[in-house]
Protein backbone atom coordinates (compact mmCIF):
# COMPACT_ATOMS: atom_id res chain seq x y z
CA MET A 1 143.63 142.84 76.24
CA ASN A 2 140.03 143.09 76.93
CA ALA A 3 139.12 139.76 79.19
CA SER A 4 135.89 139.90 78.94
CA SER A 5 135.43 139.64 75.15
CA HIS A 6 134.24 136.51 73.42
CA ARG A 7 136.55 134.21 71.66
CA VAL A 8 136.73 132.96 68.09
CA ALA A 9 138.85 129.93 67.82
CA ILE A 10 140.41 129.10 64.39
CA ILE A 11 140.66 124.82 63.86
CA GLY A 12 141.48 123.38 60.90
CA TYR A 13 144.23 120.27 59.82
CA PRO A 14 147.73 121.33 60.06
CA ASN A 15 149.05 123.53 57.17
CA VAL A 16 145.32 125.07 56.11
CA GLY A 17 146.64 128.69 56.52
CA LYS A 18 145.46 129.08 60.53
CA SER A 19 148.11 131.36 61.05
CA THR A 20 148.01 133.69 57.81
CA LEU A 21 144.39 134.14 58.87
CA PHE A 22 144.99 134.92 62.43
CA ASN A 23 147.53 137.76 61.29
CA ARG A 24 144.94 138.67 58.62
CA ILE A 25 142.04 139.37 61.47
CA THR A 26 144.39 140.75 64.18
CA GLY A 27 146.54 142.93 61.92
CA THR A 28 149.73 141.33 63.16
CA ARG A 29 152.40 139.56 62.62
CA GLU A 30 152.32 137.92 65.88
CA ALA A 31 151.87 134.22 64.58
CA VAL A 32 154.74 132.28 62.77
CA VAL A 33 153.94 131.10 59.47
CA ALA A 34 156.19 129.06 57.41
CA PRO A 35 155.28 126.02 54.75
CA GLN A 36 156.13 123.24 56.69
CA SER A 37 153.09 121.89 58.97
CA GLY A 38 152.99 121.63 62.58
CA VAL A 39 154.62 125.26 63.04
CA THR A 40 151.78 126.61 65.56
CA ARG A 41 152.05 123.99 68.94
CA ASP A 42 150.33 126.56 71.29
CA ARG A 43 147.39 128.76 71.68
CA LYS A 44 148.45 132.33 70.42
CA GLU A 45 145.49 135.11 70.89
CA GLY A 46 145.05 138.68 69.68
CA GLU A 47 142.68 140.84 69.41
CA ALA A 48 140.30 142.01 66.68
CA ASP A 49 137.57 144.73 66.06
CA TRP A 50 135.19 144.61 63.31
CA ASN A 51 131.77 146.69 63.22
CA GLY A 52 132.07 147.54 66.52
CA ARG A 53 132.49 144.33 67.90
CA THR A 54 135.53 143.34 69.56
CA PHE A 55 136.63 139.69 70.28
CA VAL A 56 139.92 137.61 70.78
CA VAL A 57 141.19 135.55 68.08
CA VAL A 58 143.09 132.57 69.17
CA ASP A 59 145.31 130.48 66.77
CA THR A 60 145.69 126.78 67.36
CA GLY A 61 147.88 123.87 66.80
CA GLY A 62 146.31 121.98 63.44
CA ILE A 63 144.27 118.72 64.47
CA ASP A 64 145.65 115.56 62.99
CA LEU A 65 144.04 112.88 64.12
CA GLN A 66 145.92 110.31 62.71
CA SER A 67 149.21 111.70 63.95
CA ASP A 68 151.82 109.62 66.19
CA GLU A 69 153.82 112.92 66.80
CA ALA A 70 155.07 113.10 70.34
CA LEU A 71 153.77 116.16 70.73
CA GLY A 72 150.66 115.19 68.87
CA ASP A 73 147.99 114.51 71.76
CA ASP A 74 149.27 118.09 73.56
CA VAL A 75 148.54 119.94 70.15
CA ARG A 76 145.10 118.37 69.85
CA ARG A 77 144.31 119.20 73.58
CA GLN A 78 145.07 122.57 73.19
CA ALA A 79 143.15 122.86 70.37
CA ARG A 80 140.12 121.41 72.29
CA VAL A 81 140.31 123.45 74.87
CA ALA A 82 140.25 126.69 72.44
CA VAL A 83 137.16 125.29 70.87
CA GLU A 84 135.15 124.68 74.67
CA GLU A 85 136.23 128.28 75.42
CA ALA A 86 135.33 129.61 72.05
CA ALA A 87 131.86 131.64 71.54
CA VAL A 88 132.78 130.81 67.87
CA THR A 89 134.76 128.68 65.88
CA ILE A 90 136.13 129.45 62.74
CA PHE A 91 136.77 125.92 60.75
CA LEU A 92 139.31 126.59 58.29
CA VAL A 93 139.83 124.35 55.42
CA ASP A 94 142.12 123.88 52.26
CA GLY A 95 140.47 124.85 49.09
CA ARG A 96 143.45 124.01 46.66
CA MET A 97 143.20 120.15 48.27
CA GLY A 98 139.38 119.79 48.29
CA MET A 99 137.63 117.58 50.38
CA ALA A 100 139.75 115.27 52.64
CA PRO A 101 138.55 112.67 55.37
CA GLN A 102 140.12 114.27 57.92
CA ASP A 103 137.76 117.28 57.33
CA HIS A 104 134.77 114.90 58.06
CA GLU A 105 136.31 114.22 61.28
CA ILE A 106 137.21 117.56 62.49
CA ALA A 107 133.68 118.53 61.43
CA ALA A 108 131.64 115.46 63.58
CA LEU A 109 134.10 116.99 66.60
CA LEU A 110 132.79 120.22 66.22
CA ARG A 111 129.16 119.82 65.75
CA LYS A 112 129.46 117.67 68.84
CA SER A 113 131.11 120.61 71.08
CA GLY A 114 127.59 122.81 70.55
CA VAL A 115 129.83 125.99 69.35
CA PRO A 116 128.62 128.19 66.24
CA VAL A 117 130.80 126.84 63.51
CA VAL A 118 131.59 129.02 60.56
CA LEU A 119 132.78 127.44 57.57
CA ALA A 120 136.03 129.11 55.73
CA VAL A 121 137.27 127.69 52.44
CA ASN A 122 141.07 129.01 52.49
CA LYS A 123 143.32 129.90 48.98
CA GLN A 124 140.80 131.12 46.70
CA ASP A 125 143.21 133.00 44.90
CA ILE A 126 144.00 129.64 43.00
CA LYS A 127 141.78 128.77 40.49
CA ALA A 128 141.60 125.02 41.67
CA ALA A 129 140.35 126.23 44.89
CA GLN A 130 137.35 128.24 43.52
CA GLY A 131 136.41 124.75 42.03
CA ASN A 132 136.25 123.07 45.01
CA LEU A 133 134.10 125.60 46.93
CA ASN A 134 130.77 123.97 46.91
CA GLU A 135 132.07 120.27 47.91
CA PHE A 136 132.45 121.77 51.44
CA TRP A 137 128.68 122.08 51.55
CA GLU A 138 128.65 118.25 52.06
CA LEU A 139 130.30 118.70 55.90
CA GLY A 140 126.75 119.92 56.95
CA LEU A 141 128.33 122.97 58.44
CA GLY A 142 126.68 125.87 56.46
CA GLU A 143 127.56 127.64 53.75
CA PRO A 144 131.35 127.74 52.82
CA ILE A 145 132.90 131.06 53.04
CA GLY A 146 135.76 131.51 50.55
CA VAL A 147 138.60 133.29 51.35
CA SER A 148 142.30 133.60 50.90
CA ALA A 149 144.22 134.32 54.03
CA GLU A 150 146.99 135.57 52.29
CA HIS A 151 145.27 138.00 50.02
CA GLY A 152 142.36 139.02 52.37
CA LEU A 153 139.67 138.11 49.76
CA GLY A 154 136.41 137.46 51.37
CA VAL A 155 137.82 138.21 54.86
CA GLY A 156 135.21 140.46 55.62
CA ASP A 157 132.14 138.17 54.77
CA LEU A 158 133.84 135.41 57.17
CA LEU A 159 134.13 138.26 59.48
CA ASP A 160 130.53 139.50 58.71
CA ALA A 161 129.40 135.52 59.61
CA VAL A 162 131.72 135.40 62.62
CA VAL A 163 130.12 138.80 64.29
CA LYS A 164 126.58 137.69 63.55
CA ALA A 165 127.07 134.32 64.94
CA LEU A 166 128.79 135.78 68.49
CA PRO A 167 126.52 136.10 71.58
CA GLY A 168 125.20 139.44 72.05
CA ASP A 169 126.70 141.39 74.94
CA ILE A 170 124.12 142.06 76.92
CA GLU A 171 121.63 139.25 77.29
CA VAL A 172 118.37 139.79 75.80
CA PRO A 173 115.16 137.50 76.45
CA GLU A 174 114.24 135.99 73.19
CA VAL A 175 110.97 137.24 71.36
CA ILE A 176 109.28 134.98 69.41
CA ALA A 177 108.21 136.25 66.01
CA PRO A 178 104.38 135.14 65.32
CA VAL A 179 103.27 133.04 62.88
CA ARG A 180 101.59 135.39 60.30
CA VAL A 181 98.42 133.65 58.84
CA ALA A 182 96.91 135.68 55.81
CA ILE A 183 93.35 134.81 54.63
CA VAL A 184 92.98 135.30 51.12
CA GLY A 185 90.11 134.81 48.50
CA ARG A 186 87.69 136.46 46.35
CA PRO A 187 84.97 138.55 47.51
CA ASN A 188 82.46 137.29 49.59
CA VAL A 189 83.44 133.74 49.65
CA GLY A 190 83.25 134.18 53.58
CA LYS A 191 86.91 135.38 54.99
CA SER A 192 85.78 137.57 57.37
CA SER A 193 82.85 135.32 58.75
CA LEU A 194 85.50 132.59 59.29
CA LEU A 195 88.06 134.41 60.86
CA ASN A 196 85.07 135.46 63.59
CA ALA A 197 84.02 131.74 63.81
CA MET A 198 87.78 130.86 64.51
CA LEU A 199 88.50 133.83 67.41
CA GLY A 200 84.97 133.11 68.77
CA ASP A 201 86.27 129.82 69.61
CA GLN A 202 90.02 131.41 70.43
CA ARG A 203 90.00 133.40 73.85
CA THR A 204 93.40 133.88 74.01
CA ILE A 205 93.04 137.12 71.73
CA VAL A 206 95.88 139.39 72.83
CA SER A 207 95.48 142.22 70.40
CA ALA A 208 93.13 143.66 67.52
CA THR A 209 93.80 146.37 65.22
CA PRO A 210 90.65 147.90 63.99
CA GLY A 211 89.74 148.87 60.32
CA THR A 212 87.84 147.67 57.42
CA THR A 213 88.46 144.94 55.22
CA ARG A 214 89.47 147.64 52.39
CA ASP A 215 93.19 147.10 54.48
CA ALA A 216 94.76 144.06 55.85
CA ILE A 217 93.56 143.69 59.48
CA ASP A 218 95.99 142.00 61.94
CA THR A 219 95.02 140.05 64.86
CA ASP A 220 97.16 138.53 67.68
CA LEU A 221 96.06 135.75 69.06
CA VAL A 222 98.05 132.98 70.72
CA PHE A 223 97.05 129.64 69.78
CA GLU A 224 98.21 126.57 72.42
CA GLY A 225 101.63 128.42 72.73
CA THR A 226 102.38 129.46 69.43
CA PRO A 227 102.01 133.06 68.63
CA MET A 228 100.20 133.95 65.34
CA THR A 229 98.98 137.07 63.45
CA LEU A 230 95.57 136.78 61.60
CA VAL A 231 95.60 138.70 58.61
CA ASP A 232 92.23 139.26 57.04
CA THR A 233 92.11 140.98 53.61
CA ALA A 234 89.80 142.37 51.29
CA GLY A 235 88.79 140.49 48.28
CA LEU A 236 90.74 139.89 45.32
CA ARG A 237 89.93 140.39 41.73
CA ARG A 238 90.81 139.72 38.21
CA PRO A 239 93.04 142.76 37.47
CA GLY A 240 90.88 143.23 34.39
CA LYS A 241 87.92 143.79 36.62
CA ARG A 242 89.19 146.83 38.70
CA THR A 243 90.68 150.26 37.66
CA SER A 244 93.83 152.28 38.77
CA THR A 245 91.82 154.85 40.47
CA ASP A 246 89.42 152.84 42.56
CA VAL A 247 89.24 151.39 46.12
CA GLU A 248 89.48 148.27 45.25
CA TYR A 249 92.69 147.96 43.04
CA TYR A 250 94.61 149.39 46.46
CA SER A 251 92.83 146.96 48.36
CA GLY A 252 93.68 144.29 46.11
CA LEU A 253 97.58 145.40 46.20
CA ARG A 254 97.12 145.52 49.87
CA ALA A 255 96.09 141.77 50.46
CA LEU A 256 99.01 140.85 47.69
CA ARG A 257 101.32 143.25 50.09
CA ALA A 258 99.87 141.06 52.86
CA LEU A 259 100.86 137.64 51.39
CA GLU A 260 104.50 138.64 50.58
CA ARG A 261 104.67 140.07 54.94
CA SER A 262 103.21 136.06 55.52
CA ASP A 263 103.77 132.73 56.44
CA VAL A 264 101.11 130.54 55.72
CA ALA A 265 98.20 131.54 53.50
CA LEU A 266 94.45 130.40 53.81
CA VAL A 267 93.04 130.28 50.13
CA VAL A 268 89.40 130.40 51.09
CA VAL A 269 86.66 129.44 48.29
CA ASP A 270 83.01 129.70 48.10
CA ALA A 271 82.27 126.22 47.88
CA SER A 272 78.56 127.04 46.82
CA GLU A 273 79.75 128.40 43.90
CA GLY A 274 82.60 125.85 43.05
CA LEU A 275 86.18 126.35 42.61
CA VAL A 276 86.91 128.75 39.66
CA ASP A 277 89.93 130.11 38.03
CA LEU A 278 90.06 133.16 40.24
CA ASP A 279 90.47 130.75 43.71
CA LEU A 280 93.72 128.66 41.21
CA GLN A 281 95.35 132.00 40.50
CA ILE A 282 95.48 133.07 43.90
CA ALA A 283 96.81 130.31 45.00
CA TYR A 284 99.38 130.66 42.53
CA GLU A 285 99.85 134.12 43.79
CA ALA A 286 100.47 132.85 47.58
CA GLN A 287 102.95 130.50 46.28
CA ARG A 288 104.98 133.44 44.36
CA ALA A 289 104.88 135.17 47.66
CA LYS A 290 106.49 132.03 49.14
CA CYS A 291 103.81 131.08 51.79
CA ALA A 292 102.71 127.58 52.98
CA THR A 293 99.11 127.07 51.58
CA ALA A 294 95.95 125.29 52.01
CA MET A 295 92.90 125.75 50.52
CA LEU A 296 89.40 125.97 52.78
CA PHE A 297 86.17 125.34 50.79
CA ASN A 298 83.85 127.37 52.71
CA LYS A 299 80.25 127.16 52.65
CA TRP A 300 80.21 123.13 52.91
CA ASP A 301 77.36 122.69 54.20
CA ILE A 302 75.35 124.68 51.11
CA SER A 303 77.66 122.71 48.52
CA THR A 304 76.93 120.51 45.93
CA MET A 305 80.77 120.65 44.65
CA ASP A 306 82.24 117.61 43.75
CA LEU A 307 85.20 117.46 45.89
CA GLU A 308 87.20 115.00 43.92
CA LYS A 309 87.24 116.72 40.83
CA ALA A 310 88.13 120.09 42.59
CA THR A 311 91.22 118.56 44.74
CA GLU A 312 92.07 117.04 41.16
CA ARG A 313 92.11 120.32 39.48
CA VAL A 314 94.12 121.84 42.48
CA LYS A 315 97.09 119.55 42.27
CA ALA A 316 97.44 119.75 38.46
CA LYS A 317 97.37 123.48 38.37
CA VAL A 318 99.13 124.45 41.66
CA GLN A 319 102.69 123.37 41.73
CA MET A 320 102.93 123.20 45.30
CA LYS A 321 99.82 120.90 45.77
CA PRO A 322 98.08 122.82 48.50
CA ARG A 323 96.07 120.62 51.73
CA TRP A 324 92.52 121.50 51.92
CA LEU A 325 89.92 121.33 54.33
CA THR A 326 85.95 121.71 53.89
CA VAL A 327 84.55 124.33 56.32
CA SER A 328 81.41 126.15 57.32
CA ALA A 329 81.98 129.54 59.10
CA LEU A 330 77.97 129.84 59.49
CA SER A 331 77.74 126.24 61.02
CA GLY A 332 80.90 125.81 62.52
CA ARG A 333 82.05 122.77 60.39
CA GLY A 334 85.93 122.20 60.51
CA VAL A 335 86.25 125.79 61.79
CA ASP A 336 88.63 123.80 64.72
CA ARG A 337 90.87 122.36 62.44
CA ILE A 338 92.26 125.38 60.88
CA LEU A 339 94.48 127.24 63.47
CA PRO A 340 95.98 123.52 64.09
CA LEU A 341 96.73 122.93 60.05
CA ALA A 342 98.03 126.56 59.65
CA ARG A 343 100.40 125.86 62.53
CA GLU A 344 101.41 122.52 61.18
CA LEU A 345 101.89 124.06 57.64
CA TYR A 346 104.36 126.91 59.51
CA GLU A 347 106.23 123.79 61.09
CA GLN A 348 106.94 122.26 57.94
CA TYR A 349 107.61 125.34 56.33
CA SER A 350 110.51 125.83 59.01
CA ASN A 351 111.81 122.91 59.46
CA ARG A 352 115.43 121.71 57.83
CA ILE A 353 116.12 118.69 57.08
CA PRO A 354 119.66 117.06 58.18
CA THR A 355 122.24 116.88 55.19
CA ALA A 356 123.22 112.88 56.23
CA GLU A 357 119.10 111.84 55.94
CA LEU A 358 118.85 113.98 52.67
CA ASN A 359 121.74 112.36 51.32
CA ARG A 360 120.36 108.74 51.76
CA TRP A 361 117.02 109.93 50.59
CA VAL A 362 118.56 110.75 47.62
CA GLU A 363 119.98 107.31 47.09
CA ASP A 364 116.58 105.83 47.40
CA VAL A 365 115.12 108.08 44.69
CA ARG A 366 118.02 107.16 42.62
CA SER A 367 117.42 103.41 43.04
CA ARG A 368 113.57 103.95 42.56
CA ARG A 369 114.20 105.59 39.30
CA PRO A 370 117.53 105.78 37.19
CA PRO A 371 117.96 109.52 36.06
CA ALA A 372 117.07 109.56 32.04
CA ALA A 373 120.11 110.25 29.75
CA LYS A 374 120.65 113.16 27.82
CA GLY A 375 122.85 112.88 24.69
CA GLY A 376 124.11 109.33 26.00
CA LYS A 377 125.02 111.33 29.24
CA SER A 378 123.42 110.57 32.43
CA ILE A 379 122.57 112.95 35.31
CA LYS A 380 124.73 112.12 38.68
CA ILE A 381 123.77 113.51 41.60
CA PHE A 382 126.85 113.91 44.29
CA TYR A 383 125.17 115.34 46.82
CA MET A 384 122.14 117.73 48.26
CA VAL A 385 121.93 119.87 51.61
CA GLN A 386 119.12 122.40 52.43
CA TYR A 387 120.82 125.48 53.27
CA GLU A 388 117.56 127.69 54.24
CA ALA A 389 114.14 127.35 55.73
CA SER A 390 110.84 129.29 55.53
CA PRO A 391 110.60 128.74 52.52
CA PRO A 392 112.87 125.06 52.40
CA ARG A 393 115.78 125.87 49.80
CA PHE A 394 117.97 122.98 48.72
CA LYS A 395 120.94 122.87 46.66
CA VAL A 396 121.61 119.63 44.75
CA MET A 397 125.40 119.18 43.18
CA VAL A 398 125.16 117.33 40.00
CA ASN A 399 127.96 116.70 37.20
CA SER A 400 126.33 119.05 34.63
CA ARG A 401 123.50 121.35 35.19
CA ALA A 402 123.00 121.37 31.02
CA LEU A 403 121.51 117.33 31.98
CA VAL A 404 118.55 119.07 34.51
CA ASN A 405 115.26 119.31 32.37
CA LYS A 406 111.95 120.13 33.60
CA SER A 407 110.76 116.54 34.01
CA PHE A 408 113.67 115.46 36.35
CA ALA A 409 113.70 118.84 38.57
CA TYR A 410 109.53 117.90 38.96
CA TYR A 411 110.02 114.42 39.95
CA LEU A 412 112.50 115.04 42.42
CA GLU A 413 110.26 117.84 43.75
CA ASN A 414 107.54 115.38 43.80
CA ARG A 415 109.23 112.89 45.54
CA LEU A 416 110.82 115.04 48.59
CA ARG A 417 107.03 116.40 48.81
CA GLU A 418 105.45 112.80 49.13
CA ASP A 419 108.31 111.32 51.11
CA TYR A 420 108.24 114.48 53.80
CA ASP A 421 104.46 115.33 53.55
CA LEU A 422 105.34 118.99 52.15
CA TRP A 423 102.15 119.59 50.50
CA GLY A 424 101.50 123.10 50.35
CA ILE A 425 105.26 124.26 51.10
CA PRO A 426 106.90 126.19 48.13
CA LEU A 427 110.08 124.48 47.81
CA VAL A 428 113.10 126.00 45.99
CA ILE A 429 115.85 123.69 44.44
CA ASP A 430 119.09 124.77 42.95
CA PHE A 431 120.87 122.79 40.52
CA GLU A 432 124.45 123.08 40.09
CA GLY A 433 126.88 121.29 38.09
CA LYS A 434 130.44 120.41 38.46
CA GLU A 435 131.84 120.01 35.02
CA GLU A 436 135.47 120.85 35.41
CA ARG A 437 136.00 118.48 38.69
CA TYR A 438 133.88 115.64 37.60
CA SER A 439 133.99 116.09 33.42
């Protein structure tokens, strides 16, 4: 056995199938498997290989925090040592039995360890276990991976996740990807002028790629320690104003592609002309591209635009309700606030809200406005988790997906924006019903 290989410890309550999974991963029958609990008391190790990565799998005795069995303390100690020595932990739970209080207790111990955890829900060959899979999101350990250790179902996906979580064999300095900020808008609204005004105040430019604004032009810089790439784009026209053969058509396509590759979009509006429908359409394109978005009302020094009416119109027409700044590339008004706003938007865009905090928030929302009834039945929210960032994506488990209408979905989304200051952040909220279990 390769002594330098990383260790992967299989942890869980007694009799959830740890030894069966150990045998499945290592391709051996080294671990004794029996229907009664507590068969495995010591740690057993075996070598495994997956997609070219070799690692040592450690089978442990079941952690029963309530057991008063004579050997219970020794088994728990061995399991804790295995976790301390591991590069990754597989937390195996019993999908057939569903969520149990001890699963929460073990999950808390694993979180405290600081070791990456891959959550595996066993016995997915049984229909009842399949129905219980999603409730394990509640443990706050990320996506539950359904497996059948006995039949091999889902074990490949589990090992993919384990290998992804393993540290590299050679330490490579972490390279921080720059925050990509696309500057978009109609032609001649002052996008390039605003970029030049920002760069005139920014003396830490790393590089600039030459070109014309028919192409998206990238400028790399470091703003107060944060690497950024500012992307200047060609003006976007209405589709009907372009032909499929002119340069503007392809320039517009490049601008849309630049949005798709960006984290933040700054939609520049010519305030001297007022807010027009195309400005709102461009903000909508930024939302479709899942960019955190702000509106920059440029040429404010010569504008007579009614700011209150303009911002109310933006809130009414653009679902993510972008923030806004009044700026002037010519006079320099507000230019120093643009990059701090872009960085703040990115921080919110890439932030994760802890599961426990989200569920306290759900309780508060329910107390403020109980969900409306439909056909004599009311929506019940069991829990909510955020399982992705950049952009933030949430899963809400309810008693019945059919009871969720647009009004309730928008209400929940808008309260989330208000309470967590997520203005201009594209939010994705997935509702999933638990009809079978909670009918």
